[in-house]
Amino acid sequence: QVDLVESGGGLVQPGDSLKLSCLTTGRTMSRLGMAWFRQGPGKEREYVGSIHWLTGATYYADSVKRRFTISREYAEKTFYLQMNSLKPEDTGVYYCAESRITFGSDSGEYDAWGPGTQVTVSS
């Protein structure tokens, strides 16, 4: 079993930066991918980006490319989402998730989720 906990959310102004962390504990030997998803008010949960846990290769949704950066500390089993140039439409609850079978964008293929952290971008 693996547990995930996000942290780092908060209230920021448009154009600001924020860094989210996802701390994981428990079984991680079969981990293939980690991802960030978000759910804005009244919206479906959407893919933000993901990382191949072994190689460190990263992938992003078009809406966050060149603004968001995913990284990981392999030994610490922690991964991050650096968010720059934040926009009001980035507001939502951000979730980290783990998969043993994918490092892609399909939320249905992730089987461990954190409780989420709220990010609000507002002036």
PDB file of N, CA and C in Angstrom:
ATOM      1  N   GLN A   1       0.841  -1.192   0.000  1.00  0.00           N
ATOM      2  CA  GLN A   1       0.000   0.000   0.000  1.00  0.00           C
ATOM      3  C   GLN A   1       0.876   1.242   0.000  1.00  0.00           C
ATOM      4  N   VAL A   2       0.424   2.259  -0.699  1.00  0.00           N
ATOM      5  CA  VAL A   2       1.160   3.514  -0.743  1.00  0.00           C
ATOM      6  C   VAL A   2       0.220   4.644  -0.343  1.00  0.00           C
ATOM      7  N   ASP A   3       0.745   5.597   0.392  1.00  0.00           N
ATOM      8  CA  ASP A   3      -0.009   6.782   0.784  1.00  0.00           C
ATOM      9  C   ASP A   3       0.627   8.013   0.170  1.00  0.00           C
ATOM     10  N   LEU A   4      -0.201   8.923  -0.276  1.00  0.00           N
ATOM     11  CA  LEU A   4       0.272  10.157  -0.889  1.00  0.00           C
ATOM     12  C   LEU A   4      -0.353  11.348  -0.175  1.00  0.00           C
ATOM     13  N   VAL A   5       0.440  12.360   0.055  1.00  0.00           N
ATOM     14  CA  VAL A   5      -0.069  13.574   0.695  1.00  0.00           C
ATOM     15  C   VAL A   5       0.498  14.789  -0.025  1.00  0.00           C
ATOM     16  N   GLU A   6      -0.387  15.653  -0.489  1.00  0.00           N
ATOM     17  CA  GLU A   6       0.028  16.876  -1.149  1.00  0.00           C
ATOM     18  C   GLU A   6       0.165  18.007  -0.126  1.00  0.00           C
ATOM     19  N   SER A   7       1.008  18.970  -0.462  1.00  0.00           N
ATOM     20  CA  SER A   7       1.130  20.171   0.349  1.00  0.00           C
ATOM     21  C   SER A   7       1.592  21.325  -0.530  1.00  0.00           C
ATOM     22  N   GLY A   8       1.449  22.539  -0.012  1.00  0.00           N
ATOM     23  CA  GLY A   8       1.947  23.705  -0.732  1.00  0.00           C
ATOM     24  C   GLY A   8       0.895  24.573  -1.387  1.00  0.00           C
ATOM     25  N   GLY A   9      -0.350  24.168  -1.305  1.00  0.00           N
ATOM     26  CA  GLY A   9      -1.395  24.975  -1.915  1.00  0.00           C
ATOM     27  C   GLY A   9      -1.609  26.276  -1.154  1.00  0.00           C
ATOM     28  N   GLY A  10      -2.390  27.166  -1.751  1.00  0.00           N
ATOM     29  CA  GLY A  10      -2.678  28.431  -1.094  1.00  0.00           C
ATOM     30  C   GLY A  10      -3.360  29.403  -2.016  1.00  0.00           C
ATOM     31  N   LEU A  11      -3.466  30.632  -1.533  1.00  0.00           N
ATOM     32  CA  LEU A  11      -4.082  31.717  -2.292  1.00  0.00           C
ATOM     33  C   LEU A  11      -2.983  32.623  -2.831  1.00  0.00           C
ATOM     34  N   VAL A  12      -2.946  32.805  -4.150  1.00  0.00           N
ATOM     35  CA  VAL A  12      -1.944  33.653  -4.774  1.00  0.00           C
ATOM     36  C   VAL A  12      -2.616  34.559  -5.800  1.00  0.00           C
ATOM     37  N   GLN A  13      -1.862  35.550  -6.244  1.00  0.00           N
ATOM     38  CA  GLN A  13      -2.377  36.468  -7.255  1.00  0.00           C
ATOM     39  C   GLN A  13      -1.957  36.014  -8.650  1.00  0.00           C
ATOM     40  N   PRO A  14      -2.687  36.434  -9.662  1.00  0.00           N
ATOM     41  CA  PRO A  14      -2.270  36.105 -11.038  1.00  0.00           C
ATOM     42  C   PRO A  14      -0.832  36.540 -11.297  1.00  0.00           C
ATOM     43  N   GLY A  15      -0.086  35.659 -11.940  1.00  0.00           N
ATOM     44  CA  GLY A  15       1.311  35.929 -12.226  1.00  0.00           C
ATOM     45  C   GLY A  15       2.271  35.398 -11.177  1.00  0.00           C
ATOM     46  N   ASP A  16       1.755  35.026 -10.027  1.00  0.00           N
ATOM     47  CA  ASP A  16       2.597  34.489  -8.960  1.00  0.00           C
ATOM     48  C   ASP A  16       3.009  33.051  -9.249  1.00  0.00           C
ATOM     49  N   SER A  17       3.902  32.560  -8.378  1.00  0.00           N
ATOM     50  CA  SER A  17       4.357  31.167  -8.464  1.00  0.00           C
ATOM     51  C   SER A  17       4.001  30.426  -7.190  1.00  0.00           C
ATOM     52  N   LEU A  18       3.930  29.107  -7.320  1.00  0.00           N
ATOM     53  CA  LEU A  18       3.617  28.239  -6.181  1.00  0.00           C
ATOM     54  C   LEU A  18       4.248  26.885  -6.481  1.00  0.00           C
ATOM     55  N   LYS A  19       4.720  26.220  -5.427  1.00  0.00           N
ATOM     56  CA  LYS A  19       5.296  24.888  -5.612  1.00  0.00           C
ATOM     57  C   LYS A  19       4.563  23.897  -4.729  1.00  0.00           C
ATOM     58  N   LEU A  20       4.003  22.894  -5.358  1.00  0.00           N
ATOM     59  CA  LEU A  20       3.320  21.820  -4.651  1.00  0.00           C
ATOM     60  C   LEU A  20       4.261  20.645  -4.462  1.00  0.00           C
ATOM     61  N   SER A  21       4.086  19.956  -3.355  1.00  0.00           N
ATOM     62  CA  SER A  21       4.858  18.745  -3.073  1.00  0.00           C
ATOM     63  C   SER A  21       3.908  17.583  -2.883  1.00  0.00           C
ATOM     64  N   CYS A  22       4.397  16.407  -3.223  1.00  0.00           N
ATOM     65  CA  CYS A  22       3.646  15.173  -2.988  1.00  0.00           C
ATOM     66  C   CYS A  22       4.589  14.201  -2.289  1.00  0.00           C
ATOM     67  N   LEU A  23       4.311  13.965  -1.029  1.00  0.00           N
ATOM     68  CA  LEU A  23       5.126  13.038  -0.245  1.00  0.00           C
ATOM     69  C   LEU A  23       4.478  11.665  -0.279  1.00  0.00           C
ATOM     70  N   THR A  24       5.268  10.661  -0.573  1.00  0.00           N
ATOM     71  CA  THR A  24       4.707   9.319  -0.645  1.00  0.00           C
ATOM     72  C   THR A  24       5.384   8.415   0.366  1.00  0.00           C
ATOM     73  N   THR A  25       4.608   7.530   0.952  1.00  0.00           N
ATOM     74  CA  THR A  25       5.138   6.536   1.875  1.00  0.00           C
ATOM     75  C   THR A  25       4.555   5.189   1.513  1.00  0.00           C
ATOM     76  N   GLY A  26       5.268   4.143   1.899  1.00  0.00           N
ATOM     77  CA  GLY A  26       4.787   2.803   1.622  1.00  0.00           C
ATOM     78  C   GLY A  26       5.447   2.191   0.403  1.00  0.00           C
ATOM     79  N   ARG A  27       4.808   1.200  -0.146  1.00  0.00           N
ATOM     80  CA  ARG A  27       5.325   0.446  -1.275  1.00  0.00           C
ATOM     81  C   ARG A  27       5.475   1.313  -2.527  1.00  0.00           C
ATOM     82  N   THR A  28       6.687   1.421  -3.048  1.00  0.00           N
ATOM     83  CA  THR A  28       6.898   2.201  -4.265  1.00  0.00           C
ATOM     84  C   THR A  28       7.711   1.446  -5.299  1.00  0.00           C
ATOM     85  N   MET A  29       8.046   0.176  -5.013  1.00  0.00           N
ATOM     86  CA  MET A  29       8.958  -0.540  -5.898  1.00  0.00           C
ATOM     87  C   MET A  29       8.383  -0.760  -7.284  1.00  0.00           C
ATOM     88  N   SER A  30       7.061  -0.888  -7.377  1.00  0.00           N
ATOM     89  CA  SER A  30       6.451  -1.145  -8.679  1.00  0.00           C
ATOM     90  C   SER A  30       5.902   0.117  -9.325  1.00  0.00           C
ATOM     91  N   ARG A  31       6.266   1.263  -8.804  1.00  0.00           N
ATOM     92  CA  ARG A  31       5.764   2.527  -9.353  1.00  0.00           C
ATOM     93  C   ARG A  31       6.319   2.756 -10.750  1.00  0.00           C
ATOM     94  N   LEU A  32       5.474   3.140 -11.669  1.00  0.00           N
ATOM     95  CA  LEU A  32       5.911   3.481 -13.016  1.00  0.00           C
ATOM     96  C   LEU A  32       5.773   4.979 -13.263  1.00  0.00           C
ATOM     97  N   GLY A  33       4.637   5.556 -12.885  1.00  0.00           N
ATOM     98  CA  GLY A  33       4.414   6.965 -13.151  1.00  0.00           C
ATOM     99  C   GLY A  33       3.747   7.663 -11.990  1.00  0.00           C
ATOM    100  N   MET A  34       4.036   8.958 -11.900  1.00  0.00           N
ATOM    101  CA  MET A  34       3.355   9.839 -10.950  1.00  0.00           C
ATOM    102  C   MET A  34       2.776  10.987 -11.756  1.00  0.00           C
ATOM    103  N   ALA A  35       1.636  11.470 -11.325  1.00  0.00           N
ATOM    104  CA  ALA A  35       0.985  12.531 -12.083  1.00  0.00           C
ATOM    105  C   ALA A  35       0.325  13.535 -11.160  1.00  0.00           C
ATOM    106  N   TRP A  36       0.099  14.721 -11.725  1.00  0.00           N
ATOM    107  CA  TRP A  36      -0.720  15.735 -11.080  1.00  0.00           C
ATOM    108  C   TRP A  36      -1.994  15.898 -11.907  1.00  0.00           C
ATOM    109  N   PHE A  37      -3.103  15.934 -11.197  1.00  0.00           N
ATOM    110  CA  PHE A  37      -4.395  16.257 -11.783  1.00  0.00           C
ATOM    111  C   PHE A  37      -4.974  17.426 -11.006  1.00  0.00           C
ATOM    112  N   ARG A  38      -5.951  18.084 -11.566  1.00  0.00           N
ATOM    113  CA  ARG A  38      -6.619  19.167 -10.854  1.00  0.00           C
ATOM    114  C   ARG A  38      -8.101  19.168 -11.197  1.00  0.00           C
ATOM    115  N   GLN A  39      -8.865  19.730 -10.282  1.00  0.00           N
ATOM    116  CA  GLN A  39     -10.296  19.861 -10.516  1.00  0.00           C
ATOM    117  C   GLN A  39     -10.730  21.260 -10.100  1.00  0.00           C
ATOM    118  N   GLY A  40     -11.111  22.059 -11.080  1.00  0.00           N
ATOM    119  CA  GLY A  40     -11.590  23.398 -10.815  1.00  0.00           C
ATOM    120  C   GLY A  40     -13.046  23.394 -10.420  1.00  0.00           C
ATOM    121  N   PRO A  41     -13.539  24.495  -9.872  1.00  0.00           N
ATOM    122  CA  PRO A  41     -14.939  24.569  -9.444  1.00  0.00           C
ATOM    123  C   PRO A  41     -15.883  24.324 -10.622  1.00  0.00           C
ATOM    124  N   GLY A  42     -16.742  23.344 -10.463  1.00  0.00           N
ATOM    125  CA  GLY A  42     -17.703  23.028 -11.504  1.00  0.00           C
ATOM    126  C   GLY A  42     -17.129  22.343 -12.718  1.00  0.00           C
ATOM    127  N   LYS A  43     -15.893  21.861 -12.608  1.00  0.00           N
ATOM    128  CA  LYS A  43     -15.237  21.229 -13.749  1.00  0.00           C
ATOM    129  C   LYS A  43     -14.911  19.775 -13.463  1.00  0.00           C
ATOM    130  N   GLU A  44     -14.640  19.043 -14.544  1.00  0.00           N
ATOM    131  CA  GLU A  44     -14.167  17.679 -14.414  1.00  0.00           C
ATOM    132  C   GLU A  44     -12.704  17.690 -13.977  1.00  0.00           C
ATOM    133  N   ARG A  45     -12.276  16.606 -13.355  1.00  0.00           N
ATOM    134  CA  ARG A  45     -10.867  16.466 -13.030  1.00  0.00           C
ATOM    135  C   ARG A  45     -10.071  16.391 -14.325  1.00  0.00           C
ATOM    136  N   GLU A  46      -8.960  17.121 -14.391  1.00  0.00           N
ATOM    137  CA  GLU A  46      -8.170  17.126 -15.615  1.00  0.00           C
ATOM    138  C   GLU A  46      -6.692  16.873 -15.327  1.00  0.00           C
ATOM    139  N   TYR A  47      -6.050  16.341 -16.315  1.00  0.00           N
ATOM    140  CA  TYR A  47      -4.629  16.018 -16.261  1.00  0.00           C
ATOM    141  C   TYR A  47      -3.809  17.286 -16.346  1.00  0.00           C
ATOM    142  N   VAL A  48      -2.790  17.378 -15.491  1.00  0.00           N
ATOM    143  CA  VAL A  48      -1.866  18.512 -15.524  1.00  0.00           C
ATOM    144  C   VAL A  48      -0.527  18.092 -16.112  1.00  0.00           C
ATOM    145  N   GLY A  49       0.017  17.009 -15.593  1.00  0.00           N
ATOM    146  CA  GLY A  49       1.305  16.540 -16.087  1.00  0.00           C
ATOM    147  C   GLY A  49       1.708  15.289 -15.346  1.00  0.00           C
ATOM    148  N   SER A  50       2.763  14.645 -15.831  1.00  0.00           N
ATOM    149  CA  SER A  50       3.198  13.399 -15.225  1.00  0.00           C
ATOM    150  C   SER A  50       4.681  13.177 -15.455  1.00  0.00           C
ATOM    151  N   ILE A  51       5.202  12.190 -14.717  1.00  0.00           N
ATOM    152  CA  ILE A  51       6.624  11.882 -14.802  1.00  0.00           C
ATOM    153  C   ILE A  51       6.819  10.377 -14.804  1.00  0.00           C
ATOM    154  N   HIS A  52       7.721   9.911 -15.663  1.00  0.00           N
ATOM    155  CA  HIS A  52       8.143   8.513 -15.640  1.00  0.00           C
ATOM    156  C   HIS A  52       9.087   8.394 -14.457  1.00  0.00           C
ATOM    157  N   TRP A  53       8.712   7.580 -13.487  1.00  0.00           N
ATOM    158  CA  TRP A  53       9.419   7.607 -12.220  1.00  0.00           C
ATOM    159  C   TRP A  53      10.888   7.206 -12.358  1.00  0.00           C
ATOM    160  N   LEU A  54      11.195   6.270 -13.222  1.00  0.00           N
ATOM    161  CA  LEU A  54      12.574   5.787 -13.338  1.00  0.00           C
ATOM    162  C   LEU A  54      13.446   6.724 -14.174  1.00  0.00           C
ATOM    163  N   THR A  55      12.940   7.172 -15.296  1.00  0.00           N
ATOM    164  CA  THR A  55      13.763   7.974 -16.201  1.00  0.00           C
ATOM    165  C   THR A  55      13.704   9.464 -15.900  1.00  0.00           C
ATOM    166  N   GLY A  56      12.626   9.884 -15.231  1.00  0.00           N
ATOM    167  CA  GLY A  56      12.446  11.308 -14.979  1.00  0.00           C
ATOM    168  C   GLY A  56      11.864  12.082 -16.133  1.00  0.00           C
ATOM    169  N   ALA A  57      11.513  11.407 -17.213  1.00  0.00           N
ATOM    170  CA  ALA A  57      10.891  12.098 -18.349  1.00  0.00           C
ATOM    171  C   ALA A  57       9.548  12.681 -17.931  1.00  0.00           C
ATOM    172  N   THR A  58       9.275  13.891 -18.378  1.00  0.00           N
ATOM    173  CA  THR A  58       8.054  14.582 -17.973  1.00  0.00           C
ATOM    174  C   THR A  58       7.154  14.895 -19.155  1.00  0.00           C
ATOM    175  N   TYR A  59       5.882  15.022 -18.874  1.00  0.00           N
ATOM    176  CA  TYR A  59       4.859  15.262 -19.885  1.00  0.00           C
ATOM    177  C   TYR A  59       3.855  16.246 -19.300  1.00  0.00           C
ATOM    178  N   TYR A  60       3.295  17.104 -20.157  1.00  0.00           N
ATOM    179  CA  TYR A  60       2.419  18.162 -19.667  1.00  0.00           C
ATOM    180  C   TYR A  60       1.193  18.333 -20.554  1.00  0.00           C
ATOM    181  N   ALA A  61       0.114  18.788 -19.913  1.00  0.00           N
ATOM    182  CA  ALA A  61      -1.045  19.227 -20.679  1.00  0.00           C
ATOM    183  C   ALA A  61      -0.690  20.525 -21.396  1.00  0.00           C
ATOM    184  N   ASP A  62      -1.294  20.739 -22.549  1.00  0.00           N
ATOM    185  CA  ASP A  62      -0.992  21.945 -23.327  1.00  0.00           C
ATOM    186  C   ASP A  62      -1.252  23.222 -22.521  1.00  0.00           C
ATOM    187  N   SER A  63      -2.260  23.189 -21.653  1.00  0.00           N
ATOM    188  CA  SER A  63      -2.652  24.388 -20.913  1.00  0.00           C
ATOM    189  C   SER A  63      -1.601  24.851 -19.903  1.00  0.00           C
ATOM    190  N   VAL A  64      -0.662  23.974 -19.558  1.00  0.00           N
ATOM    191  CA  VAL A  64       0.331  24.350 -18.543  1.00  0.00           C
ATOM    192  C   VAL A  64       1.762  24.286 -19.066  1.00  0.00           C
ATOM    193  N   LYS A  65       1.948  23.863 -20.304  1.00  0.00           N
ATOM    194  CA  LYS A  65       3.299  23.781 -20.865  1.00  0.00           C
ATOM    195  C   LYS A  65       4.000  25.128 -20.785  1.00  0.00           C
ATOM    196  N   ARG A  66       5.272  25.095 -20.479  1.00  0.00           N
ATOM    197  CA  ARG A  66       6.138  26.269 -20.364  1.00  0.00           C
ATOM    198  C   ARG A  66       5.813  27.125 -19.144  1.00  0.00           C
ATOM    199  N   ARG A  67       4.794  26.732 -18.343  1.00  0.00           N
ATOM    200  CA  ARG A  67       4.525  27.438 -17.084  1.00  0.00           C
ATOM    201  C   ARG A  67       4.755  26.537 -15.875  1.00  0.00           C
ATOM    202  N   PHE A  68       4.433  25.270 -16.022  1.00  0.00           N
ATOM    203  CA  PHE A  68       4.552  24.313 -14.920  1.00  0.00           C
ATOM    204  C   PHE A  68       5.712  23.360 -15.175  1.00  0.00           C
ATOM    205  N   THR A  69       6.358  22.937 -14.091  1.00  0.00           N
ATOM    206  CA  THR A  69       7.460  21.988 -14.190  1.00  0.00           C
ATOM    207  C   THR A  69       7.322  20.918 -13.118  1.00  0.00           C
ATOM    208  N   ILE A  70       7.407  19.677 -13.547  1.00  0.00           N
ATOM    209  CA  ILE A  70       7.363  18.541 -12.625  1.00  0.00           C
ATOM    210  C   ILE A  70       8.775  18.042 -12.397  1.00  0.00           C
ATOM    211  N   SER A  71       9.067  17.714 -11.149  1.00  0.00           N
ATOM    212  CA  SER A  71      10.369  17.129 -10.824  1.00  0.00           C
ATOM    213  C   SER A  71      10.166  16.128  -9.707  1.00  0.00           C
ATOM    214  N   ARG A  72      11.217  15.377  -9.439  1.00  0.00           N
ATOM    215  CA  ARG A  72      11.112  14.386  -8.379  1.00  0.00           C
ATOM    216  C   ARG A  72      12.447  14.222  -7.674  1.00  0.00           C
ATOM    217  N   GLU A  73      12.350  13.784  -6.422  1.00  0.00           N
ATOM    218  CA  GLU A  73      13.523  13.352  -5.688  1.00  0.00           C
ATOM    219  C   GLU A  73      13.349  11.850  -5.512  1.00  0.00           C
ATOM    220  N   TYR A  74      14.043  11.123  -6.321  1.00  0.00           N
ATOM    221  CA  TYR A  74      13.815   9.675  -6.415  1.00  0.00           C
ATOM    222  C   TYR A  74      13.995   8.983  -5.068  1.00  0.00           C
ATOM    223  N   ALA A  75      15.092   9.268  -4.380  1.00  0.00           N
ATOM    224  CA  ALA A  75      15.373   8.579  -3.121  1.00  0.00           C
ATOM    225  C   ALA A  75      14.380   8.977  -2.029  1.00  0.00           C
ATOM    226  N   GLU A  76      13.891  10.201  -2.104  1.00  0.00           N
ATOM    227  CA  GLU A  76      12.958  10.686  -1.089  1.00  0.00           C
ATOM    228  C   GLU A  76      11.513  10.337  -1.422  1.00  0.00           C
ATOM    229  N   LYS A  77      11.294   9.736  -2.588  1.00  0.00           N
ATOM    230  CA  LYS A  77       9.939   9.345  -3.004  1.00  0.00           C
ATOM    231  C   LYS A  77       9.002  10.540  -2.984  1.00  0.00           C
ATOM    232  N   THR A  78       9.521  11.674  -3.351  1.00  0.00           N
ATOM    233  CA  THR A  78       8.729  12.898  -3.342  1.00  0.00           C
ATOM    234  C   THR A  78       8.753  13.502  -4.724  1.00  0.00           C
ATOM    235  N   PHE A  79       7.605  14.054  -5.132  1.00  0.00           N
ATOM    236  CA  PHE A  79       7.673  14.777  -6.379  1.00  0.00           C
ATOM    237  C   PHE A  79       6.917  16.099  -6.288  1.00  0.00           C
ATOM    238  N   TYR A  80       7.215  16.984  -7.222  1.00  0.00           N
ATOM    239  CA  TYR A  80       6.849  18.371  -7.096  1.00  0.00           C
ATOM    240  C   TYR A  80       6.170  18.890  -8.357  1.00  0.00           C
ATOM    241  N   LEU A  81       5.436  19.968  -8.142  1.00  0.00           N
ATOM    242  CA  LEU A  81       4.851  20.702  -9.264  1.00  0.00           C
ATOM    243  C   LEU A  81       5.156  22.177  -9.043  1.00  0.00           C
ATOM    244  N   GLN A  82       6.106  22.700  -9.822  1.00  0.00           N
ATOM    245  CA  GLN A  82       6.424  24.113  -9.779  1.00  0.00           C
ATOM    246  C   GLN A  82       5.505  24.826 -10.763  1.00  0.00           C
ATOM    247  N   MET A  83       4.735  25.772 -10.238  1.00  0.00           N
ATOM    248  CA  MET A  83       3.760  26.476 -11.076  1.00  0.00           C
ATOM    249  C   MET A  83       4.139  27.951 -11.148  1.00  0.00           C
ATOM    250  N   ASN A  84       4.406  28.417 -12.334  1.00  0.00           N
ATOM    251  CA  ASN A  84       4.757  29.814 -12.562  1.00  0.00           C
ATOM    252  C   ASN A  84       3.684  30.493 -13.411  1.00  0.00           C
ATOM    253  N   SER A  85       3.694  31.817 -13.379  1.00  0.00           N
ATOM    254  CA  SER A  85       2.749  32.611 -14.184  1.00  0.00           C
ATOM    255  C   SER A  85       1.323  32.106 -14.010  1.00  0.00           C
ATOM    256  N   LEU A  86       0.917  31.947 -12.772  1.00  0.00           N
ATOM    257  CA  LEU A  86      -0.395  31.374 -12.488  1.00  0.00           C
ATOM    258  C   LEU A  86      -1.517  32.273 -12.984  1.00  0.00           C
ATOM    259  N   LYS A  87      -2.574  31.620 -13.440  1.00  0.00           N
ATOM    260  CA  LYS A  87      -3.746  32.303 -13.969  1.00  0.00           C
ATOM    261  C   LYS A  87      -4.974  31.915 -13.152  1.00  0.00           C
ATOM    262  N   PRO A  88      -6.011  32.729 -13.157  1.00  0.00           N
ATOM    263  CA  PRO A  88      -7.230  32.369 -12.424  1.00  0.00           C
ATOM    264  C   PRO A  88      -7.782  31.001 -12.837  1.00  0.00           C
ATOM    265  N   GLU A  89      -7.626  30.638 -14.100  1.00  0.00           N
ATOM    266  CA  GLU A  89      -8.133  29.342 -14.556  1.00  0.00           C
ATOM    267  C   GLU A  89      -7.319  28.162 -14.040  1.00  0.00           C
ATOM    268  N   ASP A  90      -6.202  28.442 -13.341  1.00  0.00           N
ATOM    269  CA  ASP A  90      -5.447  27.364 -12.696  1.00  0.00           C
ATOM    270  C   ASP A  90      -6.025  27.014 -11.325  1.00  0.00           C
ATOM    271  N   THR A  91      -7.012  27.764 -10.888  1.00  0.00           N
ATOM    272  CA  THR A  91      -7.638  27.507  -9.592  1.00  0.00           C
ATOM    273  C   THR A  91      -8.266  26.130  -9.549  1.00  0.00           C
ATOM    274  N   GLY A  92      -8.071  25.442  -8.426  1.00  0.00           N
ATOM    275  CA  GLY A  92      -8.679  24.132  -8.260  1.00  0.00           C
ATOM    276  C   GLY A  92      -7.997  23.349  -7.154  1.00  0.00           C
ATOM    277  N   VAL A  93      -8.494  22.161  -6.959  1.00  0.00           N
ATOM    278  CA  VAL A  93      -7.853  21.231  -6.037  1.00  0.00           C
ATOM    279  C   VAL A  93      -6.879  20.381  -6.856  1.00  0.00           C
ATOM    280  N   TYR A  94      -5.657  20.352  -6.407  1.00  0.00           N
ATOM    281  CA  TYR A  94      -4.602  19.620  -7.104  1.00  0.00           C
ATOM    282  C   TYR A  94      -4.333  18.301  -6.385  1.00  0.00           C
ATOM    283  N   TYR A  95      -4.314  17.234  -7.162  1.00  0.00           N
ATOM    284  CA  TYR A  95      -4.105  15.888  -6.643  1.00  0.00           C
ATOM    285  C   TYR A  95      -2.850  15.271  -7.244  1.00  0.00           C
ATOM    286  N   CYS A  96      -2.097  14.560  -6.420  1.00  0.00           N
ATOM    287  CA  CYS A  96      -1.049  13.726  -6.991  1.00  0.00           C
ATOM    288  C   CYS A  96      -1.552  12.288  -6.999  1.00  0.00           C
ATOM    289  N   ALA A  97      -1.028  11.532  -7.925  1.00  0.00           N
ATOM    290  CA  ALA A  97      -1.496  10.163  -8.116  1.00  0.00           C
ATOM    291  C   ALA A  97      -0.356   9.285  -8.580  1.00  0.00           C
ATOM    292  N   GLU A  98      -0.468   8.001  -8.253  1.00  0.00           N
ATOM    293  CA  GLU A  98       0.565   7.030  -8.618  1.00  0.00           C
ATOM    294  C   GLU A  98      -0.036   5.924  -9.478  1.00  0.00           C
ATOM    295  N   SER A  99       0.762   5.457 -10.430  1.00  0.00           N
ATOM    296  CA  SER A  99       0.338   4.329 -11.244  1.00  0.00           C
ATOM    297  C   SER A  99       1.461   3.311 -11.368  1.00  0.00           C
ATOM    298  N   ARG A 100       1.068   2.050 -11.427  1.00  0.00           N
ATOM    299  CA  ARG A 100       2.027   0.977 -11.670  1.00  0.00           C
ATOM    300  C   ARG A 100       2.037   0.558 -13.135  1.00  0.00           C
ATOM    301  N   ILE A 101       1.128   1.134 -13.928  1.00  0.00           N
ATOM    302  CA  ILE A 101       1.014   0.691 -15.319  1.00  0.00           C
ATOM    303  C   ILE A 101       1.163   1.790 -16.351  1.00  0.00           C
ATOM    304  N   THR A 102       1.218   3.035 -15.922  1.00  0.00           N
ATOM    305  CA  THR A 102       1.274   4.115 -16.897  1.00  0.00           C
ATOM    306  C   THR A 102       2.023   5.315 -16.349  1.00  0.00           C
ATOM    307  N   PHE A 103       2.411   6.203 -17.253  1.00  0.00           N
ATOM    308  CA  PHE A 103       2.880   7.533 -16.856  1.00  0.00           C
ATOM    309  C   PHE A 103       2.187   8.566 -17.740  1.00  0.00           C
ATOM    310  N   GLY A 104       0.984   8.199 -18.192  1.00  0.00           N
ATOM    311  CA  GLY A 104       0.241   9.042 -19.102  1.00  0.00           C
ATOM    312  C   GLY A 104      -0.836   9.863 -18.444  1.00  0.00           C
ATOM    313  N   SER A 105      -1.833  10.235 -19.223  1.00  0.00           N
ATOM    314  CA  SER A 105      -2.830  11.211 -18.804  1.00  0.00           C
ATOM    315  C   SER A 105      -4.181  10.634 -18.410  1.00  0.00           C
ATOM    316  N   ASP A 106      -4.335   9.324 -18.457  1.00  0.00           N
ATOM    317  CA  ASP A 106      -5.611   8.695 -18.143  1.00  0.00           C
ATOM    318  C   ASP A 106      -5.741   8.494 -16.642  1.00  0.00           C
ATOM    319  N   SER A 107      -6.634   9.261 -15.999  1.00  0.00           N
ATOM    320  CA  SER A 107      -6.780   9.170 -14.547  1.00  0.00           C
ATOM    321  C   SER A 107      -7.226   7.785 -14.096  1.00  0.00           C
ATOM    322  N   GLY A 108      -7.928   7.076 -14.954  1.00  0.00           N
ATOM    323  CA  GLY A 108      -8.397   5.734 -14.613  1.00  0.00           C
ATOM    324  C   GLY A 108      -7.291   4.719 -14.431  1.00  0.00           C
ATOM    325  N   GLU A 109      -6.094   5.036 -14.877  1.00  0.00           N
ATOM    326  CA  GLU A 109      -4.970   4.125 -14.759  1.00  0.00           C
ATOM    327  C   GLU A 109      -4.082   4.447 -13.558  1.00  0.00           C
ATOM    328  N   TYR A 110      -4.528   5.386 -12.743  1.00  0.00           N
ATOM    329  CA  TYR A 110      -3.819   5.706 -11.511  1.00  0.00           C
ATOM    330  C   TYR A 110      -4.615   5.122 -10.348  1.00  0.00           C
ATOM    331  N   ASP A 111      -3.932   4.410  -9.487  1.00  0.00           N
ATOM    332  CA  ASP A 111      -4.660   3.679  -8.455  1.00  0.00           C
ATOM    333  C   ASP A 111      -4.386   4.133  -7.039  1.00  0.00           C
ATOM    334  N   ALA A 112      -3.582   5.155  -6.865  1.00  0.00           N
ATOM    335  CA  ALA A 112      -3.373   5.726  -5.536  1.00  0.00           C
ATOM    336  C   ALA A 112      -3.413   7.231  -5.676  1.00  0.00           C
ATOM    337  N   TRP A 113      -4.167   7.861  -4.774  1.00  0.00           N
ATOM    338  CA  TRP A 113      -4.390   9.303  -4.870  1.00  0.00           C
ATOM    339  C   TRP A 113      -4.200   9.964  -3.504  1.00  0.00           C
ATOM    340  N   GLY A 114      -3.716  11.188  -3.535  1.00  0.00           N
ATOM    341  CA  GLY A 114      -3.695  11.976  -2.324  1.00  0.00           C
ATOM    342  C   GLY A 114      -5.035  12.666  -2.117  1.00  0.00           C
ATOM    343  N   PRO A 115      -5.229  13.291  -0.971  1.00  0.00           N
ATOM    344  CA  PRO A 115      -6.494  13.960  -0.661  1.00  0.00           C
ATOM    345  C   PRO A 115      -6.672  15.293  -1.381  1.00  0.00           C
ATOM    346  N   GLY A 116      -5.573  15.849  -1.916  1.00  0.00           N
ATOM    347  CA  GLY A 116      -5.664  17.097  -2.655  1.00  0.00           C
ATOM    348  C   GLY A 116      -5.257  18.304  -1.834  1.00  0.00           C
ATOM    349  N   THR A 117      -4.824  19.348  -2.547  1.00  0.00           N
ATOM    350  CA  THR A 117      -4.489  20.614  -1.925  1.00  0.00           C
ATOM    351  C   THR A 117      -5.089  21.735  -2.781  1.00  0.00           C
ATOM    352  N   GLN A 118      -5.665  22.727  -2.123  1.00  0.00           N
ATOM    353  CA  GLN A 118      -6.372  23.787  -2.833  1.00  0.00           C
ATOM    354  C   GLN A 118      -5.410  24.859  -3.312  1.00  0.00           C
ATOM    355  N   VAL A 119      -5.547  25.214  -4.575  1.00  0.00           N
ATOM    356  CA  VAL A 119      -4.818  26.341  -5.149  1.00  0.00           C
ATOM    357  C   VAL A 119      -5.847  27.343  -5.653  1.00  0.00           C
ATOM    358  N   THR A 120      -5.743  28.563  -5.183  1.00  0.00           N
ATOM    359  CA  THR A 120      -6.650  29.616  -5.614  1.00  0.00           C
ATOM    360  C   THR A 120      -5.841  30.776  -6.167  1.00  0.00           C
ATOM    361  N   VAL A 121      -6.141  31.139  -7.405  1.00  0.00           N
ATOM    362  CA  VAL A 121      -5.449  32.249  -8.060  1.00  0.00           C
ATOM    363  C   VAL A 121      -6.470  33.359  -8.266  1.00  0.00           C
ATOM    364  N   SER A 122      -6.302  34.425  -7.532  1.00  0.00           N
ATOM    365  CA  SER A 122      -7.296  35.497  -7.581  1.00  0.00           C
ATOM    366  C   SER A 122      -6.660  36.815  -7.172  1.00  0.00           C
ATOM    367  N   SER A 123      -7.124  37.886  -7.801  1.00  0.00           N
ATOM    368  CA  SER A 123      -6.641  39.211  -7.433  1.00  0.00           C
ATOM    369  C   SER A 123      -7.564  39.839  -6.392  1.00  0.00           C
TER     370      SER A 123
END
